[in-house]
């Protein structure tokens, strides 16, 4: 069974699409278009929400609305699907914001195990990185949608305007405002996959050998460690700031088994204890030093690191 056929079958199972009915031709056309753009739609929803499980729910809702559309009336299926997905994601994003207000401790995006080739698309890898998703969290919902659709997926202002129910002129202003906001908060340099792997390998060796002096050489003096336990497992309820404090926390990881992996398009470490996944550790590099560490420990967020998730533009 080829990948496309397998993906189509999965889509039918996930969305409840049947085989044939009175609208068999329309249903098949709808399914074909949905499958063709599924990776794009998932990535749009994920970048807007920072949650794979919620992104999947958005895709379910998108399918239900898409399946009821008369396919012959749609001129651009990709644009139409992106529009539905964006509107559904915006609705869910506002719900998520209320949920995050009561979240226990720091909230981090749900990590994804991604294919190695994602890192080759530098813009895509940057857009789904843990660091960028946290920057996107600081945008208002509509700003986030506009930034993702324009700067990541390069949609036209007219298309975006239809998706967010704004005029093209308003979308241009929102895009400029969001771009300025993101530029002030995102890492100032582009770090190659090779640089990231090298830094992470040195970091892993220092942790595994308990070489705290080496760790201090690798992390910035003002490094910040965020740990997301969601109130389910033990984790720091506030950011841990400063090289000495962060190093003290990292020194406790020597008993864990560390495994390099490609997470959210970037090199990361998966920590296992007793063979089970304990946490995912992603890093932010600037000036050759680790300036940010993101440890996701909430078990409810770790289901996507035992198998690859397809993302795409």
Protein backbone atom coordinates (compact mmCIF):
# COMPACT_ATOMS: atom_id res chain seq x y z
CA UNK A 1 0.00 0.00 0.00
CA UNK A 2 1.55 3.34 -1.00
CA UNK A 3 1.77 6.33 1.35
CA UNK A 4 -1.03 8.26 -0.34
CA UNK A 5 -3.46 5.32 -0.19
CA UNK A 6 -2.56 4.67 3.43
CA UNK A 7 -3.08 8.33 4.29
CA UNK A 8 -6.44 8.39 2.52
CA UNK A 9 -7.60 5.34 4.45
CA UNK A 10 -6.49 6.97 7.70
CA UNK A 11 -8.37 10.14 6.79
CA UNK A 12 -11.51 8.13 6.08
CA UNK A 13 -11.21 6.39 9.44
CA UNK A 14 -10.50 9.59 11.37
CA UNK A 15 -13.22 11.64 9.70
CA UNK A 16 -15.80 8.89 9.35
CA UNK A 17 -15.90 9.19 5.58
CA UNK A 18 -17.83 6.34 4.03
CA UNK A 19 -17.35 4.75 0.67
CA UNK A 20 -20.21 5.88 -1.57
CA UNK A 21 -23.57 7.52 -1.14
CA UNK A 22 -25.95 9.58 -3.23
CA UNK A 23 -23.19 12.14 -3.57
CA UNK A 24 -20.47 9.56 -4.26
CA UNK A 25 -18.63 11.66 -6.84
CA UNK A 26 -18.68 14.72 -4.61
CA UNK A 27 -17.58 12.75 -1.58
CA UNK A 28 -14.65 11.23 -3.44
CA UNK A 29 -13.58 14.64 -4.73
CA UNK A 30 -13.86 16.12 -1.24
CA UNK A 31 -11.82 13.30 0.24
CA UNK A 32 -9.15 13.57 -2.43
CA UNK A 33 -8.72 17.30 -1.86
CA UNK A 34 -8.71 16.90 1.92
CA UNK A 35 -6.07 14.16 1.81
CA UNK A 36 -3.93 16.14 -0.64
CA UNK A 37 -3.81 19.14 1.71
CA UNK A 38 -4.03 17.38 5.06
CA UNK A 39 -0.42 18.00 6.13
CA UNK A 40 -0.77 21.68 5.28
CA UNK A 41 -4.05 21.99 7.19
CA UNK A 42 -2.64 20.20 10.24
CA UNK A 43 0.41 22.46 10.25
CA UNK A 44 -1.72 25.61 10.00
CA UNK A 45 -3.87 24.47 12.92
CA UNK A 46 -0.88 23.30 14.98
CA UNK A 47 1.03 26.56 14.52
CA UNK A 48 -2.04 28.50 15.57
CA UNK A 49 -2.77 26.31 18.61
CA UNK A 50 0.52 24.74 19.73
CA UNK A 51 -1.42 21.55 20.42
CA UNK A 52 -1.46 18.52 18.13
CA UNK A 53 -4.54 17.03 19.76
CA UNK A 54 -6.49 20.26 19.29
CA UNK A 55 -5.17 20.57 15.74
CA UNK A 56 -6.55 17.10 14.99
CA UNK A 57 -9.92 18.16 16.41
CA UNK A 58 -9.85 21.20 14.13
CA UNK A 59 -9.21 18.92 11.15
CA UNK A 60 -12.23 16.81 12.13
CA UNK A 61 -14.38 19.94 12.24
CA UNK A 62 -12.90 21.13 8.96
CA UNK A 63 -13.78 17.83 7.30
CA UNK A 64 -17.39 17.93 8.51
CA UNK A 65 -17.87 21.36 6.96
CA UNK A 66 -15.88 20.55 3.83
CA UNK A 67 -17.84 17.35 3.14
CA UNK A 68 -21.07 19.37 2.94
CA UNK A 69 -19.71 21.77 0.31
CA UNK A 70 -20.75 21.37 -3.33
CA UNK A 71 -17.31 20.72 -4.84
CA UNK A 72 -18.33 22.15 -8.21
CA UNK A 73 -18.75 25.59 -6.64
CA UNK A 74 -15.19 25.70 -5.24
CA UNK A 75 -12.59 27.31 -7.51
CA UNK A 76 -9.54 26.93 -5.22
CA UNK A 77 -9.87 23.94 -2.92
CA UNK A 78 -6.61 24.62 -1.08
CA UNK A 79 -7.62 28.18 -0.22
CA UNK A 80 -11.13 27.09 0.77
CA UNK A 81 -9.81 24.37 3.08
CA UNK A 82 -7.29 26.74 4.68
CA UNK A 83 -10.11 29.22 5.25
CA UNK A 84 -12.27 26.64 7.05
CA UNK A 85 -9.31 25.40 9.10
CA UNK A 86 -8.30 28.92 10.12
CA UNK A 87 -11.80 29.82 11.27
CA UNK A 88 -12.11 26.62 13.29
CA UNK A 89 -8.65 27.14 14.79
CA UNK A 90 -9.50 30.71 15.78
CA UNK A 91 -12.60 29.53 17.60
CA UNK A 92 -10.61 26.86 19.44
CA UNK A 93 -7.71 29.23 20.14
CA UNK A 94 -9.96 31.49 22.18
CA UNK A 95 -11.11 28.47 24.20
CA UNK A 96 -7.51 27.36 24.74
CA UNK A 97 -6.55 30.79 26.03
CA UNK A 98 -9.12 30.46 28.79
CA UNK A 99 -7.84 26.97 29.59
CA UNK A 100 -4.25 28.18 29.81
CA UNK A 101 -5.21 30.78 32.39
CA UNK A 102 -5.75 27.96 34.91
CA UNK A 103 -2.86 25.77 33.71
CA UNK A 104 -0.52 24.64 36.51
CA UNK A 105 2.99 26.00 35.93
CA UNK A 106 4.50 27.07 32.60
CA UNK A 107 2.61 26.01 29.48
CA UNK A 108 4.68 24.63 26.60
CA UNK A 109 3.55 23.49 23.14
CA UNK A 110 2.89 19.80 22.53
CA UNK A 111 6.11 18.40 20.98
CA UNK A 112 6.06 16.53 17.67
CA UNK A 113 8.51 13.93 16.45
CA UNK A 114 9.18 15.14 12.91
CA UNK A 115 10.91 13.61 9.90
CA UNK A 116 14.57 14.57 9.26
CA UNK A 117 13.67 16.31 6.00
CA UNK A 118 11.63 18.93 7.88
CA UNK A 119 14.91 20.45 9.09
CA UNK A 120 15.95 20.95 5.46
CA UNK A 121 13.10 23.44 5.03
CA UNK A 122 14.59 26.08 7.32
CA UNK A 123 11.52 28.33 7.29
CA UNK A 124 9.15 25.47 8.10
CA UNK A 125 11.44 24.12 10.83
CA UNK A 126 11.71 27.57 12.39
CA UNK A 127 7.94 28.07 12.26
CA UNK A 128 7.18 24.87 14.20
CA UNK A 129 10.13 25.15 16.61
CA UNK A 130 9.39 25.33 20.31
CA UNK A 131 10.97 28.78 20.52
CA UNK A 132 8.82 30.21 17.71
CA UNK A 133 5.60 28.65 18.99
CA UNK A 134 6.23 30.35 22.33
CA UNK A 135 6.71 33.66 20.54
CA UNK A 136 3.42 33.11 18.69
CA UNK A 137 1.74 32.61 22.07
CA UNK A 138 2.31 36.33 22.74
CA UNK A 139 0.17 37.37 19.76
CA UNK A 140 -3.56 38.02 19.83
CA UNK A 141 -5.57 35.27 18.07
CA UNK A 142 -6.18 37.18 14.82
CA UNK A 143 -2.58 38.43 14.75
CA UNK A 144 -1.36 34.86 15.13
CA UNK A 145 -3.58 33.62 12.31
CA UNK A 146 -2.49 36.40 9.97
CA UNK A 147 1.20 35.94 10.76
CA UNK A 148 1.06 32.17 10.25
CA UNK A 149 -0.89 32.40 6.99
CA UNK A 150 1.19 35.24 5.54
CA UNK A 151 4.74 34.78 6.81
CA UNK A 152 4.82 30.99 7.04
CA UNK A 153 2.49 29.86 4.26
CA UNK A 154 2.73 32.94 2.02
CA UNK A 155 -0.99 33.27 1.42
CA UNK A 156 -2.23 36.40 -0.32
CA UNK A 157 -3.84 39.18 1.68
CA UNK A 158 -7.17 38.64 -0.08
CA UNK A 159 -7.20 34.95 0.91
CA UNK A 160 -6.28 35.75 4.50
CA UNK A 161 -8.94 38.46 4.67
CA UNK A 162 -11.62 35.89 3.83
CA UNK A 163 -10.23 33.49 6.44
CA UNK A 164 -10.22 36.01 9.32
CA UNK A 165 -13.22 38.12 8.24
CA UNK A 166 -11.21 41.32 7.78
CA UNK A 167 -10.57 43.61 4.83
CA UNK A 168 -7.31 43.13 2.90
CA UNK A 169 -6.18 46.57 4.09
CA UNK A 170 -6.80 45.60 7.71
CA UNK A 171 -4.95 42.32 7.19
CA UNK A 172 -1.91 44.21 5.87
CA UNK A 173 -1.84 46.33 9.01
CA UNK A 174 -2.27 43.31 11.26
CA UNK A 175 0.50 41.45 9.40
CA UNK A 176 2.89 44.39 9.83
CA UNK A 177 2.10 44.68 13.52
CA UNK A 178 2.47 40.94 14.11
CA UNK A 179 5.71 40.77 12.11
CA UNK A 180 7.23 43.59 14.17
CA UNK A 181 6.12 41.90 17.40
CA UNK A 182 7.61 38.54 16.40
CA UNK A 183 10.88 40.06 15.12
CA UNK A 184 11.48 41.68 18.51
CA UNK A 185 11.10 38.35 20.34
CA UNK A 186 12.38 35.61 18.04
CA UNK A 187 16.04 34.42 18.05
CA UNK A 188 18.11 36.96 16.14
CA UNK A 189 20.23 34.46 14.25
CA UNK A 190 19.47 31.45 12.11
CA UNK A 191 21.08 28.34 13.59
CA UNK A 192 21.84 25.52 11.17
CA UNK A 193 20.79 21.94 11.98
CA UNK A 194 24.49 21.01 12.16
CA UNK A 195 25.15 23.72 14.78
CA UNK A 196 22.14 22.60 16.79
CA UNK A 197 23.19 18.94 16.67
CA UNK A 198 26.73 19.81 17.72
CA UNK A 199 25.57 21.89 20.69
CA UNK A 200 23.04 19.27 21.74
CA UNK A 201 25.63 16.46 21.53
CA UNK A 202 28.00 18.41 23.77
CA UNK A 203 25.11 19.16 26.12
CA UNK A 204 24.09 15.49 26.25
CA UNK A 205 27.65 14.37 27.02
CA UNK A 206 27.99 16.94 29.80
CA UNK A 207 24.70 15.85 31.39
CA UNK A 208 25.44 12.13 31.10
CA UNK A 209 28.92 12.49 32.62
CA UNK A 210 27.81 14.95 35.27
CA UNK A 211 30.35 17.50 34.00
CA UNK A 212 28.79 20.61 35.51
CA UNK A 213 31.73 22.81 34.49
CA UNK A 214 31.20 21.81 30.86
CA UNK A 215 27.49 22.54 31.23
CA UNK A 216 28.30 26.05 32.45
CA UNK A 217 30.42 26.57 29.33
CA UNK A 218 27.50 25.59 27.10
CA UNK A 219 24.68 27.67 28.58
CA UNK A 220 24.28 31.43 28.70
CA UNK A 221 24.55 33.23 32.06
CA UNK A 222 20.90 34.30 31.81
CA UNK A 223 19.59 30.97 30.47
CA UNK A 224 15.93 30.20 31.17
CA UNK A 225 14.54 26.72 31.83
CA UNK A 226 10.81 26.13 31.45
CA UNK A 227 9.35 22.83 32.67
CA UNK A 228 5.80 21.82 31.79
CA UNK A 229 4.34 19.19 34.10
CA UNK A 230 0.77 20.43 33.83
CA UNK A 231 0.20 19.67 37.51
CA UNK A 232 0.36 15.96 36.62
CA UNK A 233 4.05 15.27 37.26
CA UNK A 234 6.73 17.07 39.21
CA UNK A 235 8.02 20.22 37.52
CA UNK A 236 9.12 23.74 38.45
CA UNK A 237 6.07 25.97 38.71
CA UNK A 238 8.08 29.06 37.72
CA UNK A 239 10.83 29.61 35.14
CA UNK A 240 14.28 28.67 36.41
CA UNK A 241 16.62 31.55 35.53
CA UNK A 242 20.42 31.73 35.59
CA UNK A 243 23.23 29.34 34.73
CA UNK A 244 23.90 28.08 38.25
CA UNK A 245 20.25 27.35 39.08
CA UNK A 246 19.62 25.70 35.73
CA UNK A 247 22.79 23.62 36.00
CA UNK A 248 21.71 22.40 39.43
CA UNK A 249 18.43 21.16 37.93
CA UNK A 250 20.14 19.56 34.93
CA UNK A 251 22.53 17.71 37.20
CA UNK A 252 19.60 15.58 38.32
CA UNK A 253 19.15 14.21 34.79
CA UNK A 254 22.24 11.98 34.95
CA UNK A 255 20.07 9.01 35.92
CA UNK A 256 17.88 9.36 32.83
CA UNK A 257 18.55 7.84 29.42
CA UNK A 258 18.94 10.58 26.81
CA UNK A 259 18.14 9.94 23.15
CA UNK A 260 18.71 12.44 20.30
CA UNK A 261 15.61 13.04 18.17
CA UNK A 262 14.15 15.44 15.66
CA UNK A 263 11.41 17.33 17.49
CA UNK A 264 9.46 20.18 15.91
CA UNK A 265 11.94 20.29 13.06
CA UNK A 266 14.95 20.76 15.37
CA UNK A 267 17.41 18.54 17.23
CA UNK A 268 16.17 17.70 20.74
CA UNK A 269 16.51 15.06 23.43
CA UNK A 270 13.96 12.50 24.57
CA UNK A 271 14.49 11.45 28.17
CA UNK A 272 13.48 7.96 29.25
CA UNK A 273 13.33 6.42 32.69
CA UNK A 274 12.69 2.72 33.04
CA UNK A 275 12.22 2.56 29.28
CA UNK A 276 9.24 4.95 29.33
CA UNK A 277 9.30 8.48 27.92
CA UNK A 278 9.74 10.89 30.81
CA UNK A 279 10.12 14.19 29.00
CA UNK A 280 11.21 15.99 25.85
CA UNK A 281 13.95 18.61 26.08
CA UNK A 282 14.29 21.25 23.35
CA UNK A 283 16.79 24.10 23.30
CA UNK A 284 17.14 27.62 21.98
CA UNK A 285 20.58 28.64 20.71
CA UNK A 286 21.94 32.15 20.34
CA UNK A 287 25.53 33.24 19.97
CA UNK A 288 26.73 29.67 20.26
CA UNK A 289 25.20 29.28 23.72
CA UNK A 290 21.99 27.69 24.96
CA UNK A 291 19.74 30.55 26.05
CA UNK A 292 16.52 28.58 26.52
CA UNK A 293 15.62 25.07 27.63
CA UNK A 294 12.10 23.70 27.25
CA UNK A 295 11.25 20.50 29.10
CA UNK A 296 7.82 19.01 28.40
CA UNK A 297 6.96 16.46 31.10
CA UNK A 298 3.16 16.49 31.05
CA UNK A 299 2.30 12.90 29.99
CA UNK A 300 -0.77 14.17 28.14
CA UNK A 301 1.56 16.01 25.75
CA UNK A 302 4.00 13.18 24.99
CA UNK A 303 1.93 10.93 22.71
CA UNK A 304 3.36 12.53 19.55
CA UNK A 305 7.00 11.67 20.22
CA UNK A 306 6.72 7.92 19.72
CA UNK A 307 5.87 8.25 16.02
CA UNK A 308 6.55 10.83 13.33
CA UNK A 309 3.96 13.50 12.59
CA UNK A 310 3.85 14.86 9.05
CA UNK A 311 3.98 18.64 8.72
CA UNK A 312 4.26 20.63 5.53
CA UNK A 313 3.61 23.81 3.63
